[in-house]
Amino acid sequence: MKSRPYSLGRTVVLALTLLLFTLLILGRLFWVQVVHSETYAEKADRQYVTPAGNIFERGSIYFTRKDGELVSGATQTSGYKVAVNPGELRDKKIVYEKISRIIPLDQAEFREKSDKEGDPYEEIANRLTKKEADAISALKLPGVSVFKEKWRFYPGEKLAAHALGIIGYKGDELSGRYGLEREYDDILSRSDDHPYVNFFAEVFTDLFSGGGRGGDIVTTIEPSVQGALEGTLRKTREKYSADLVGGIIMNPRDGSIYALAATPSFDPNNFKGVEDVSVFKNPLVENIYEFGSVVKPLVMAGALDALAVTAETTYDDQGSTIVEKKEIFNFDKRGRGVVNMQEVLGQSLNTGMVYVAKKLGKDRMRSYLYAFGIKDKTEIDLPGEVPGWAKNLESPREIEYANASFGQGLALTPIGLARALASLGNGGQLVSPHVVKEIKYSDGLSKKMEYTTRPTKISQATSEEITRMLVSIMDKSLRGGADKFEHYSVAVKTGTAQVPKPGGYWEDRYTHSFFGYFPAYDPEFLVLLYAVNPRGTRYASETWTDPFLAITKFLLNYYEVPPDR
């Protein structure tokens, strides 16, 4: 009688164990038959089995529409390939003639591969349709085999190419080489070396290891916005024959990137013919530039925050000023007389910024600019990022700070500049620019990405004041206020900078930039545009005003942003 509680307890434990095991099996059956039915169906298709038993598999990369719908940016597509065993071919001429009636086949290449008597496997054609594969298989030619294959496919062709990147071989290894394909290669890669794993072993593998951790990447890139940006950049580059143009559209409040692009670009579906491999690099994160006057609002914001100046502080502009025996000029070498700090930004006066730098002082100026992150990487989730260059600010020389006050001698990546400028409109916060919002793992779980922000040195009040000054540029200074948005506040600044060369600057080469954020006092969008060595135009206001206005109007309409004034 005393043993009954023990027997009853053992029975309960056994029953619970059996129930748990049954649930695991049922769950696994659901996993195999429903969640991964397509994968296992392909493995069961033995008609065109791959000789190595391993069909290329890779996770997908998705864009996100404004309504949350996912759109494929990088995926897989399937087809068929033809291979020959040279030692089993009976009449190579007849084989070539019969196959070439179905698909285009290079005769010299076929002859070279079919003559490799010691090689049992030579691929002679790839990426065939099922109709073509069935027709070749029906020939029943000895030594000729048709296999199923998969390959990477980018539905948007050049769309977001620099963000997506490519996959390619490095030796025998096929993996991501640029962009997100490289940055998230460990997530996107699939291992299929053992496609027929024992069922029960697989159940316990999933139970104790948490399943495979490969997955799909969901980005913040909005395909319509990306397309609009790329179209604008292409037209601008063609109009001005620029060496390179680029742009970023970002949410300045949290760093989500809706679009980023540069041209020249490439089609990741057909990149083998690219002659200059440098086109694969992403200049938005891997190149640094001197951007000139778009840096002025950063210095001005520091001076406002330190109470060194106000928007109404005045100085006497003589058109030039002497710093350590070097004469610094305004862009047009003209003086304006007594003007205030609003006009220094509105008319982009270099002499005025030198005045601001002197009032702020070297130590404080350096401290504020460093707080904007100008010499640091943003840690964006794209490979190859380089830090900004601001070593001149370590110099004791006054001239270095005078030059830096209007953007000369400071070099930033476009994404680094975008991050710094975003803090002007978001209350002084340095966001983490990013393009990935979620990882959807193949085991059914998902991970929402989290990104940090940190404060700069400027206050909320300073953010509002510098924003007011930049809105005044849009409303009054840019083309005399002709393009003012009646119902939206838009903060803007242009920049025209000489392109540096060893020992100085080119006299006839410039980098033109333009940035803006809106609605200005609670911004949803920041737009940064730049062109390297545009021809036939001198100033950024000529190059970029119309393209910026077009993008701004598109975003306001597309997202149905309510008026803020």
Protein backbone atom coordinates (compact mmCIF):
# COMPACT_ATOMS: atom_id res chain seq x y z
CA MET A 1 0.00 0.00 0.00
CA LYS A 2 2.89 2.35 0.75
CA SER A 3 4.24 1.95 -2.81
CA ARG A 4 1.11 3.29 -4.54
CA PRO A 5 2.04 7.01 -4.31
CA TYR A 6 5.41 6.21 -5.84
CA SER A 7 3.81 4.15 -8.65
CA LEU A 8 1.24 6.86 -9.29
CA GLY A 9 3.93 9.53 -9.46
CA ARG A 10 5.99 7.48 -11.90
CA THR A 11 2.92 6.97 -14.09
CA VAL A 12 2.22 10.72 -14.14
CA VAL A 13 5.82 11.49 -15.10
CA LEU A 14 5.73 8.87 -17.84
CA ALA A 15 2.43 10.20 -19.18
CA LEU A 16 3.72 13.77 -19.24
CA THR A 17 6.89 12.64 -21.00
CA LEU A 18 4.88 10.80 -23.66
CA LEU A 19 2.60 13.83 -24.09
CA LEU A 20 5.58 16.15 -24.50
CA PHE A 21 7.18 13.80 -27.00
CA THR A 22 3.92 13.54 -28.96
CA LEU A 23 3.62 17.32 -29.08
CA LEU A 24 7.20 17.58 -30.32
CA ILE A 25 6.51 15.10 -33.11
CA LEU A 26 3.28 16.85 -34.10
CA GLY A 27 5.06 20.19 -34.03
CA ARG A 28 7.83 18.83 -36.19
CA LEU A 29 5.35 17.38 -38.66
CA PHE A 30 3.69 20.79 -38.90
CA TRP A 31 7.15 22.35 -39.39
CA VAL A 32 8.04 19.94 -42.17
CA GLN A 33 4.70 19.73 -43.94
CA VAL A 34 3.50 23.31 -43.62
CA VAL A 35 6.26 25.79 -42.74
CA HIS A 36 8.96 24.18 -44.88
CA SER A 37 6.80 22.23 -47.30
CA GLU A 38 8.40 23.86 -50.33
CA THR A 39 11.93 23.03 -49.21
CA TYR A 40 11.16 19.39 -48.55
CA ALA A 41 9.13 19.10 -51.75
CA GLU A 42 12.19 20.23 -53.66
CA LYS A 43 14.31 17.64 -51.88
CA ALA A 44 11.79 14.99 -52.86
CA ASP A 45 12.01 16.01 -56.50
CA ARG A 46 14.61 13.56 -57.74
CA GLN A 47 14.08 14.12 -61.48
CA TYR A 48 16.79 16.74 -61.68
CA VAL A 49 18.80 16.01 -58.55
CA THR A 50 21.98 18.05 -58.12
CA PRO A 51 25.09 15.87 -58.39
CA ALA A 52 26.46 17.02 -55.04
CA GLY A 53 23.05 16.73 -53.37
CA ASN A 54 23.27 20.41 -52.49
CA ILE A 55 21.15 23.10 -54.16
CA PHE A 56 22.20 26.65 -53.33
CA GLU A 57 20.04 28.11 -50.56
CA ARG A 58 20.09 31.62 -49.10
CA GLY A 59 17.75 33.78 -47.06
CA SER A 60 15.88 36.71 -48.56
CA ILE A 61 16.25 40.46 -48.08
CA TYR A 62 13.05 42.49 -48.01
CA PHE A 63 12.16 46.14 -48.51
CA THR A 64 9.26 47.54 -46.46
CA ARG A 65 6.50 49.59 -48.07
CA LYS A 66 5.02 52.48 -46.12
CA ASP A 67 2.00 50.30 -45.23
CA GLY A 68 4.23 47.55 -43.82
CA GLU A 69 3.99 45.21 -46.82
CA LEU A 70 7.23 43.36 -47.53
CA VAL A 71 8.70 43.50 -51.04
CA SER A 72 11.52 41.22 -52.15
CA GLY A 73 14.83 42.95 -52.69
CA ALA A 74 17.00 39.84 -52.90
CA THR A 75 15.64 36.34 -53.22
CA GLN A 76 16.19 33.06 -54.99
CA THR A 77 14.93 31.81 -58.28
CA SER A 78 15.25 28.34 -59.72
CA GLY A 79 15.88 26.78 -63.08
CA TYR A 80 18.02 24.09 -64.62
CA LYS A 81 21.55 23.50 -65.84
CA VAL A 82 23.08 21.08 -68.32
CA ALA A 83 26.30 19.19 -67.69
CA VAL A 84 28.27 16.63 -69.69
CA ASN A 85 30.52 13.74 -68.79
CA PRO A 86 33.11 13.93 -71.61
CA GLY A 87 34.08 10.28 -71.23
CA GLU A 88 30.52 9.11 -71.93
CA LEU A 89 29.81 11.32 -74.95
CA ARG A 90 29.52 9.19 -78.10
CA ASP A 91 29.38 11.78 -80.87
CA LYS A 92 30.20 15.27 -79.62
CA LYS A 93 29.20 16.95 -82.88
CA ILE A 94 25.72 15.41 -82.80
CA VAL A 95 25.35 16.27 -79.10
CA TYR A 96 26.23 19.89 -79.80
CA GLU A 97 23.89 20.14 -82.78
CA LYS A 98 20.90 18.65 -80.93
CA ILE A 99 21.31 20.76 -77.80
CA SER A 100 22.01 23.97 -79.73
CA ARG A 101 18.65 23.60 -81.47
CA ILE A 102 17.01 24.04 -78.08
CA ILE A 103 19.27 26.62 -76.40
CA PRO A 104 22.07 28.94 -77.57
CA LEU A 105 25.39 27.15 -77.11
CA ASP A 106 28.85 28.48 -77.84
CA GLN A 107 30.54 25.90 -80.03
CA ALA A 108 34.13 26.68 -79.04
CA GLU A 109 33.28 26.58 -75.34
CA PHE A 110 31.37 23.31 -75.78
CA ARG A 111 34.29 21.75 -77.61
CA GLU A 112 36.73 22.83 -74.90
CA LYS A 113 34.62 21.35 -72.10
CA SER A 114 33.62 18.17 -73.91
CA ASP A 115 37.27 17.38 -74.66
CA LYS A 116 38.14 17.09 -70.95
CA GLU A 117 38.16 13.30 -70.96
CA GLY A 118 39.33 12.93 -67.35
CA ASP A 119 36.67 15.26 -65.96
CA PRO A 120 33.31 13.57 -65.27
CA TYR A 121 31.37 16.81 -64.83
CA GLU A 122 31.42 19.97 -66.96
CA GLU A 123 28.55 22.46 -66.98
CA ILE A 124 27.73 23.71 -70.47
CA ALA A 125 24.55 25.75 -69.84
CA ASN A 126 22.86 27.39 -66.86
CA ARG A 127 19.62 29.05 -65.87
CA LEU A 128 17.34 27.16 -68.24
CA THR A 129 13.57 27.10 -68.10
CA LYS A 130 11.70 23.89 -67.31
CA LYS A 131 10.56 23.70 -70.93
CA GLU A 132 14.17 23.83 -72.12
CA ALA A 133 15.29 21.35 -69.47
CA ASP A 134 12.54 18.88 -70.36
CA ALA A 135 13.37 19.13 -74.06
CA ILE A 136 17.06 18.40 -73.49
CA SER A 137 16.28 15.58 -71.06
CA ALA A 138 13.93 14.00 -73.63
CA LEU A 139 16.86 13.67 -76.05
CA LYS A 140 18.31 10.96 -73.76
CA LEU A 141 21.83 11.69 -74.89
CA PRO A 142 24.49 9.53 -73.20
CA GLY A 143 26.83 11.66 -71.09
CA VAL A 144 24.38 14.58 -70.93
CA SER A 145 22.54 15.33 -67.68
CA VAL A 146 20.09 18.01 -66.62
CA PHE A 147 20.10 19.21 -63.01
CA LYS A 148 18.01 21.59 -60.97
CA GLU A 149 19.74 24.74 -59.73
CA LYS A 150 19.01 27.95 -57.81
CA TRP A 151 20.68 31.31 -57.95
CA ARG A 152 20.45 34.74 -56.35
CA PHE A 153 17.95 37.07 -57.96
CA TYR A 154 17.36 40.78 -57.41
CA PRO A 155 13.86 41.68 -58.72
CA GLY A 156 14.53 45.43 -58.67
CA GLU A 157 17.73 45.06 -60.73
CA LYS A 158 19.74 48.20 -59.81
CA LEU A 159 17.31 49.25 -57.07
CA ALA A 160 19.26 49.77 -53.81
CA ALA A 161 22.23 47.90 -55.27
CA HIS A 162 24.78 49.54 -52.97
CA ALA A 163 22.70 48.63 -49.93
CA LEU A 164 21.98 45.06 -51.02
CA GLY A 165 25.43 44.21 -52.37
CA ILE A 166 26.22 40.99 -54.23
CA ILE A 167 27.28 37.44 -53.56
CA GLY A 168 30.29 35.94 -55.28
CA TYR A 169 33.09 33.46 -55.03
CA LYS A 170 36.28 34.00 -53.11
CA GLY A 171 38.19 30.87 -54.00
CA ASP A 172 35.67 28.08 -53.53
CA GLU A 173 33.55 30.00 -51.04
CA LEU A 174 30.28 31.55 -52.25
CA SER A 175 29.14 34.28 -49.88
CA GLY A 176 28.18 37.93 -49.54
CA ARG A 177 30.81 40.32 -50.84
CA TYR A 178 29.27 43.78 -50.46
CA GLY A 179 26.33 45.47 -48.77
CA LEU A 180 23.81 43.60 -46.64
CA GLU A 181 24.76 40.36 -48.37
CA ARG A 182 28.14 40.68 -46.67
CA GLU A 183 27.08 42.33 -43.41
CA TYR A 184 24.48 39.65 -42.65
CA ASP A 185 26.10 36.73 -44.44
CA ASP A 186 25.96 34.55 -41.33
CA ILE A 187 22.16 35.04 -41.14
CA LEU A 188 21.45 34.71 -44.86
CA SER A 189 23.69 31.69 -45.48
CA ARG A 190 22.14 28.25 -45.51
CA SER A 191 23.91 24.97 -44.88
CA ASP A 192 22.38 22.08 -46.78
CA ASP A 193 25.20 19.57 -46.61
CA HIS A 194 23.00 16.93 -45.00
CA PRO A 195 19.54 17.28 -46.55
CA TYR A 196 18.21 13.93 -45.29
CA VAL A 197 18.75 14.10 -41.55
CA ASN A 198 17.16 11.42 -39.36
CA PHE A 199 13.70 12.61 -38.30
CA PHE A 200 14.12 11.97 -34.57
CA ALA A 201 17.61 13.43 -34.55
CA GLU A 202 16.18 16.57 -36.14
CA VAL A 203 13.42 16.79 -33.50
CA PHE A 204 15.94 16.77 -30.65
CA THR A 205 18.30 19.10 -32.52
CA ASP A 206 15.52 21.68 -32.74
CA LEU A 207 14.53 21.11 -29.12
CA PHE A 208 17.95 21.57 -27.56
CA SER A 209 19.69 23.90 -29.99
CA GLY A 210 16.80 26.25 -30.74
CA GLY A 211 16.74 25.30 -34.41
CA GLY A 212 18.72 26.80 -37.25
CA ARG A 213 19.53 30.48 -36.86
CA GLY A 214 19.58 31.37 -40.51
CA GLY A 215 16.89 33.76 -41.58
CA ASP A 216 15.59 36.59 -43.73
CA ILE A 217 16.43 40.28 -43.39
CA VAL A 218 13.71 42.96 -43.31
CA THR A 219 14.98 46.44 -44.11
CA THR A 220 13.71 49.96 -43.53
CA ILE A 221 14.19 50.77 -47.22
CA GLU A 222 10.93 51.88 -48.84
CA PRO A 223 11.03 50.78 -52.51
CA SER A 224 9.03 53.69 -53.93
CA VAL A 225 11.14 56.21 -52.04
CA GLN A 226 14.31 54.40 -53.12
CA GLY A 227 13.15 54.49 -56.73
CA ALA A 228 12.32 58.19 -56.55
CA LEU A 229 15.73 59.01 -55.08
CA GLU A 230 17.59 56.96 -57.66
CA GLY A 231 15.66 58.54 -60.52
CA THR A 232 16.50 62.02 -59.23
CA LEU A 233 20.18 61.17 -58.84
CA ARG A 234 20.44 59.72 -62.35
CA LYS A 235 18.89 62.81 -63.93
CA THR A 236 21.13 65.15 -61.95
CA ARG A 237 24.28 63.26 -62.85
CA GLU A 238 23.34 63.24 -66.53
CA LYS A 239 22.48 66.95 -66.51
CA TYR A 240 25.77 68.05 -64.93
CA SER A 241 28.08 65.20 -66.02
CA ALA A 242 29.16 64.73 -62.41
CA ASP A 243 31.75 62.13 -61.48
CA LEU A 244 29.43 60.76 -58.81
CA VAL A 245 26.19 61.73 -57.12
CA GLY A 246 24.63 60.30 -53.99
CA GLY A 247 21.78 60.76 -51.58
CA ILE A 248 20.25 59.63 -48.30
CA ILE A 249 16.67 59.86 -47.04
CA MET A 250 16.48 59.13 -43.33
CA ASN A 251 14.16 59.50 -40.39
CA PRO A 252 16.12 61.96 -38.21
CA ARG A 253 14.31 60.89 -35.06
CA ASP A 254 15.40 57.24 -35.01
CA GLY A 255 17.93 56.78 -37.86
CA SER A 256 15.74 54.55 -40.06
CA ILE A 257 16.93 54.88 -43.64
CA TYR A 258 14.18 54.95 -46.26
CA ALA A 259 16.57 55.25 -49.19
CA LEU A 260 20.26 55.57 -49.93
CA ALA A 261 21.82 55.50 -53.35
CA ALA A 262 24.76 56.54 -55.46
CA THR A 263 25.41 56.58 -59.17
CA PRO A 264 27.22 55.16 -61.06
CA SER A 265 25.71 51.94 -59.83
CA PHE A 266 25.38 48.34 -61.02
CA ASP A 267 22.92 45.51 -61.54
CA PRO A 268 23.68 42.74 -59.01
CA ASN A 269 22.03 40.25 -61.36
CA ASN A 270 24.68 40.95 -64.01
CA PHE A 271 27.82 42.25 -62.38
CA LYS A 272 30.45 40.08 -64.05
CA GLY A 273 30.88 42.53 -66.91
CA VAL A 274 31.64 45.49 -64.62
CA GLU A 275 35.03 46.87 -65.63
CA ASP A 276 35.68 49.12 -62.62
CA VAL A 277 35.15 47.07 -59.45
CA SER A 278 35.23 50.25 -57.34
CA VAL A 279 31.60 50.74 -58.36
CA PHE A 280 30.68 47.98 -55.91
CA LYS A 281 31.90 50.08 -52.98
CA ASN A 282 29.26 52.08 -51.19
CA PRO A 283 30.49 55.71 -51.31
CA LEU A 284 27.83 56.73 -48.78
CA VAL A 285 29.71 54.88 -46.03
CA GLU A 286 33.14 54.12 -47.53
CA ASN A 287 34.18 57.54 -48.93
CA ILE A 288 34.85 60.81 -47.13
CA TYR A 289 34.35 64.26 -48.61
CA GLU A 290 34.82 67.88 -47.65
CA PHE A 291 31.25 69.16 -47.84
CA GLY A 292 31.83 72.82 -47.15
CA SER A 293 29.01 75.08 -46.02
CA VAL A 294 26.55 72.38 -44.91
CA VAL A 295 28.88 72.08 -41.90
CA LYS A 296 28.24 75.71 -40.94
CA PRO A 297 24.99 74.96 -39.05
CA LEU A 298 26.89 72.55 -36.77
CA VAL A 299 29.39 75.23 -35.78
CA MET A 300 26.64 77.84 -35.46
CA ALA A 301 24.59 75.51 -33.26
CA GLY A 302 27.57 75.07 -30.94
CA ALA A 303 28.03 78.83 -30.68
CA LEU A 304 24.31 79.36 -29.99
CA ASP A 305 24.34 76.66 -27.33
CA ALA A 306 27.44 78.12 -25.65
CA LEU A 307 25.81 81.58 -25.72
CA ALA A 308 28.77 82.86 -27.74
CA VAL A 309 26.35 84.38 -30.26
CA THR A 310 22.63 84.71 -30.94
CA ALA A 311 20.82 84.86 -34.24
CA GLU A 312 20.78 88.66 -33.91
CA THR A 313 24.47 89.08 -33.06
CA THR A 314 26.10 91.31 -35.70
CA TYR A 315 29.54 91.78 -37.17
CA ASP A 316 30.99 93.99 -39.92
CA ASP A 317 31.51 91.91 -43.05
CA GLN A 318 34.30 93.31 -45.23
CA GLY A 319 34.27 90.42 -47.72
CA SER A 320 37.49 88.96 -46.34
CA THR A 321 39.35 88.53 -43.08
CA ILE A 322 42.94 87.80 -42.10
CA VAL A 323 43.78 84.81 -39.88
CA GLU A 324 47.45 84.10 -39.16
CA LYS A 325 48.51 86.05 -42.26
CA LYS A 326 46.11 84.12 -44.50
CA GLU A 327 43.25 85.96 -46.15
CA ILE A 328 39.88 84.18 -46.11
CA PHE A 329 37.20 85.36 -48.54
CA ASN A 330 33.45 85.02 -48.91
CA PHE A 331 32.45 82.85 -51.87
CA ASP A 332 31.99 85.96 -54.04
CA LYS A 333 34.65 88.11 -52.28
CA ARG A 334 32.04 90.80 -51.59
CA GLY A 335 31.38 92.47 -48.26
CA ARG A 336 27.87 93.01 -46.85
CA GLY A 337 28.61 95.51 -44.11
CA VAL A 338 26.97 94.96 -40.73
CA VAL A 339 24.95 91.76 -40.79
CA ASN A 340 23.63 89.32 -38.18
CA MET A 341 24.18 85.59 -37.72
CA GLN A 342 20.96 84.75 -39.56
CA GLU A 343 22.44 86.39 -42.64
CA VAL A 344 25.73 84.56 -42.09
CA LEU A 345 23.84 81.31 -42.66
CA GLY A 346 21.37 82.72 -45.18
CA GLN A 347 24.10 84.17 -47.42
CA SER A 348 26.66 81.52 -46.42
CA LEU A 349 29.35 84.00 -45.41
CA ASN A 350 32.74 82.47 -44.65
CA THR A 351 33.95 85.58 -42.86
CA GLY A 352 30.93 85.42 -40.58
CA MET A 353 31.73 81.84 -39.64
CA VAL A 354 35.32 82.81 -38.84
CA TYR A 355 33.85 85.43 -36.49
CA VAL A 356 31.67 82.71 -34.90
CA ALA A 357 34.67 80.39 -34.48
CA LYS A 358 36.64 83.12 -32.68
CA LYS A 359 33.72 83.87 -30.36
CA LEU A 360 33.28 80.16 -29.61
CA GLY A 361 36.97 79.44 -29.06
CA LYS A 362 39.05 76.49 -30.17
CA ASP A 363 38.38 74.17 -27.26
CA ARG A 364 34.62 74.63 -27.25
CA MET A 365 34.40 74.43 -31.02
CA ARG A 366 36.31 71.15 -31.03
CA SER A 367 34.17 69.78 -28.21
CA TYR A 368 30.88 70.58 -29.94
CA LEU A 369 31.97 69.19 -33.31
CA TYR A 370 33.26 65.99 -31.73
CA ALA A 371 29.94 65.64 -29.92
CA PHE A 372 28.25 65.65 -33.33
CA GLY A 373 30.31 62.53 -34.10
CA ILE A 374 32.20 64.01 -37.03
CA LYS A 375 35.33 61.92 -36.47
CA ASP A 376 33.58 58.66 -35.53
CA LYS A 377 31.97 55.84 -37.42
CA THR A 378 28.19 55.81 -37.18
CA GLU A 379 28.28 51.98 -36.88
CA ILE A 380 25.67 51.71 -39.59
CA ASP A 381 24.78 48.10 -40.41
CA LEU A 382 26.60 48.17 -43.75
CA PRO A 383 30.17 46.98 -44.30
CA GLY A 384 33.27 49.02 -44.99
CA GLU A 385 32.36 52.17 -43.09
CA VAL A 386 35.25 54.57 -42.46
CA PRO A 387 35.44 57.30 -39.81
CA GLY A 388 35.45 60.99 -40.54
CA TRP A 389 38.66 63.02 -40.68
CA ALA A 390 39.04 65.95 -38.29
CA LYS A 391 42.69 65.93 -37.27
CA ASN A 392 42.97 69.64 -38.03
CA LEU A 393 40.98 70.26 -34.86
CA GLU A 394 43.88 68.87 -32.84
CA SER A 395 46.10 71.67 -34.12
CA PRO A 396 46.81 74.75 -31.97
CA ARG A 397 46.75 76.95 -35.09
CA GLU A 398 43.92 79.45 -35.37
CA ILE A 399 43.74 79.04 -39.15
CA GLU A 400 42.66 75.40 -38.87
CA TYR A 401 39.61 76.39 -36.83
CA ALA A 402 38.83 79.29 -39.12
CA ASN A 403 38.81 76.94 -42.12
CA ALA A 404 36.82 74.29 -40.26
CA SER A 405 34.14 76.85 -39.38
CA PHE A 406 32.99 76.86 -43.00
CA GLY A 407 33.65 73.17 -43.63
CA GLN A 408 37.15 73.23 -45.08
CA GLY A 409 39.64 70.69 -43.72
CA LEU A 410 36.92 68.45 -42.27
CA ALA A 411 35.98 65.30 -44.21
CA LEU A 412 32.97 63.11 -43.43
CA THR A 413 31.16 60.19 -44.95
CA PRO A 414 27.72 61.13 -46.27
CA ILE A 415 26.10 58.94 -43.62
CA GLY A 416 28.24 60.56 -40.92
CA LEU A 417 27.19 64.00 -42.10
CA ALA A 418 23.53 62.95 -42.24
CA ARG A 419 23.68 61.72 -38.65
CA ALA A 420 25.27 64.95 -37.42
CA LEU A 421 22.77 67.15 -39.26
CA ALA A 422 19.82 65.07 -38.01
CA SER A 423 20.70 66.08 -34.45
CA LEU A 424 20.02 69.72 -35.31
CA GLY A 425 16.35 68.95 -35.87
CA ASN A 426 15.67 66.15 -33.39
CA GLY A 427 16.46 67.95 -30.15
CA GLY A 428 20.19 67.29 -30.13
CA GLN A 429 20.23 63.48 -30.25
CA LEU A 430 22.81 61.47 -32.18
CA VAL A 431 20.87 58.58 -33.74
CA SER A 432 22.16 55.28 -35.07
CA PRO A 433 21.60 55.18 -38.85
CA HIS A 434 20.41 51.73 -39.92
CA VAL A 435 18.79 49.82 -42.76
CA VAL A 436 17.69 46.62 -41.00
CA LYS A 437 14.59 46.61 -38.80
CA GLU A 438 13.98 42.90 -38.23
CA ILE A 439 15.47 39.44 -38.66
CA LYS A 440 13.00 36.64 -39.35
CA TYR A 441 14.74 33.42 -38.37
CA SER A 442 14.06 30.17 -40.20
CA ASP A 443 13.04 28.51 -36.91
CA GLY A 444 9.93 30.70 -36.81
CA LEU A 445 11.25 33.26 -34.32
CA SER A 446 12.06 36.87 -35.13
CA LYS A 447 14.15 39.66 -33.68
CA LYS A 448 13.21 43.32 -33.77
CA MET A 449 16.39 45.34 -34.07
CA GLU A 450 17.03 47.99 -31.42
CA TYR A 451 19.29 50.98 -31.92
CA THR A 452 20.61 53.49 -29.43
CA THR A 453 20.75 57.27 -29.41
CA ARG A 454 23.02 59.49 -27.38
CA PRO A 455 22.93 63.21 -26.69
CA THR A 456 25.17 65.74 -28.37
CA LYS A 457 26.10 68.88 -26.47
CA ILE A 458 23.29 71.07 -27.78
CA SER A 459 20.03 71.50 -25.91
CA GLN A 460 16.46 71.18 -27.12
CA ALA A 461 16.23 74.99 -27.13
CA THR A 462 19.34 75.26 -29.31
CA SER A 463 17.91 72.64 -31.67
CA GLU A 464 14.78 74.74 -32.07
CA GLU A 465 16.75 77.95 -32.61
CA ILE A 466 19.11 76.56 -35.27
CA THR A 467 16.08 74.98 -36.94
CA ARG A 468 14.33 78.35 -37.01
CA MET A 469 17.39 79.87 -38.67
CA LEU A 470 17.50 77.09 -41.29
CA VAL A 471 13.78 77.45 -42.00
CA SER A 472 14.40 81.15 -42.63
CA ILE A 473 16.89 80.14 -45.33
CA MET A 474 14.17 78.18 -47.11
CA ASP A 475 11.55 80.87 -46.64
CA LYS A 476 13.65 83.95 -47.46
CA SER A 477 17.18 83.30 -48.69
CA LEU A 478 17.08 80.37 -51.10
CA ARG A 479 16.19 81.89 -54.49
CA GLY A 480 14.76 84.87 -52.62
CA GLY A 481 12.08 82.77 -50.95
CA ALA A 482 10.42 81.88 -54.25
CA ASP A 483 10.22 78.20 -53.30
CA LYS A 484 8.85 78.63 -49.78
CA PHE A 485 6.42 75.92 -48.70
CA GLU A 486 3.35 77.80 -47.58
CA HIS A 487 2.01 75.04 -45.32
CA TYR A 488 5.22 73.25 -44.31
CA SER A 489 8.31 74.36 -42.44
CA VAL A 490 11.44 73.10 -44.21
CA ALA A 491 14.95 73.62 -42.82
CA VAL A 492 17.72 73.71 -45.46
CA LYS A 493 21.34 74.56 -46.17
CA THR A 494 23.53 74.28 -49.26
CA GLY A 495 27.25 73.62 -49.50
CA THR A 496 29.85 74.23 -52.19
CA ALA A 497 33.35 72.98 -51.42
CA GLN A 498 36.54 72.82 -53.43
CA VAL A 499 37.80 69.29 -54.01
CA PRO A 500 41.10 68.71 -52.19
CA LYS A 501 44.23 67.50 -53.93
CA PRO A 502 47.76 66.84 -52.59
CA GLY A 503 49.07 70.15 -51.33
CA GLY A 504 45.90 72.15 -51.79
CA TYR A 505 42.60 72.32 -53.69
CA TRP A 506 41.54 72.13 -57.30
CA GLU A 507 40.52 75.50 -58.66
CA ASP A 508 37.84 74.08 -60.96
CA ARG A 509 36.46 71.06 -59.10
CA TYR A 510 33.76 71.22 -56.45
CA THR A 511 31.54 69.06 -54.31
CA HIS A 512 27.98 70.34 -54.20
CA SER A 513 25.73 69.34 -51.29
CA PHE A 514 22.25 70.16 -50.07
CA PHE A 515 20.42 69.01 -46.97
CA GLY A 516 17.02 69.63 -45.47
CA TYR A 517 14.65 68.22 -42.88
CA PHE A 518 10.90 68.56 -42.54
CA PRO A 519 8.41 69.25 -41.07
CA ALA A 520 11.17 71.22 -39.45
CA TYR A 521 10.12 71.33 -35.78
CA ASP A 522 9.20 67.65 -35.55
CA PRO A 523 10.96 66.21 -38.60
CA GLU A 524 9.99 62.95 -40.23
CA PHE A 525 12.52 63.15 -43.06
CA LEU A 526 16.06 64.29 -43.59
CA VAL A 527 17.33 64.49 -47.17
CA LEU A 528 21.02 64.80 -48.01
CA LEU A 529 22.16 65.14 -51.63
CA TYR A 530 25.67 65.59 -53.02
CA ALA A 531 27.52 65.67 -56.34
CA VAL A 532 31.24 65.29 -56.93
CA ASN A 533 32.64 67.55 -59.64
CA PRO A 534 29.42 68.60 -61.41
CA ARG A 535 30.16 70.49 -64.62
CA GLY A 536 28.58 73.60 -66.06
CA THR A 537 27.44 74.95 -62.69
CA ARG A 538 29.27 76.71 -59.87
CA TYR A 539 27.06 76.56 -56.80
CA ALA A 540 25.10 73.83 -55.01
CA SER A 541 21.98 75.99 -54.98
CA GLU A 542 21.96 75.75 -58.79
CA THR A 543 22.62 72.02 -58.87
CA TRP A 544 20.37 70.76 -56.11
CA THR A 545 17.49 73.14 -55.35
CA ASP A 546 15.07 71.72 -57.91
CA PRO A 547 15.92 68.05 -57.20
CA PHE A 548 15.54 68.68 -53.46
CA LEU A 549 12.17 70.37 -53.96
CA ALA A 550 10.97 67.47 -56.11
CA ILE A 551 11.96 64.89 -53.49
CA THR A 552 10.43 66.95 -50.67
CA LYS A 553 7.10 67.30 -52.48
CA PHE A 554 7.09 63.60 -53.28
CA LEU A 555 7.67 62.59 -49.66
CA LEU A 556 5.07 65.00 -48.29
CA ASN A 557 2.47 63.71 -50.74
CA TYR A 558 3.40 60.04 -50.63
CA TYR A 559 3.29 59.86 -46.84
CA GLU A 560 0.35 62.28 -46.62
CA VAL A 561 2.18 64.41 -44.06
CA PRO A 562 -0.22 66.90 -42.43
CA PRO A 563 0.73 70.60 -42.73
CA ASP A 564 2.52 72.09 -39.75
CA ARG A 565 1.77 75.73 -40.46
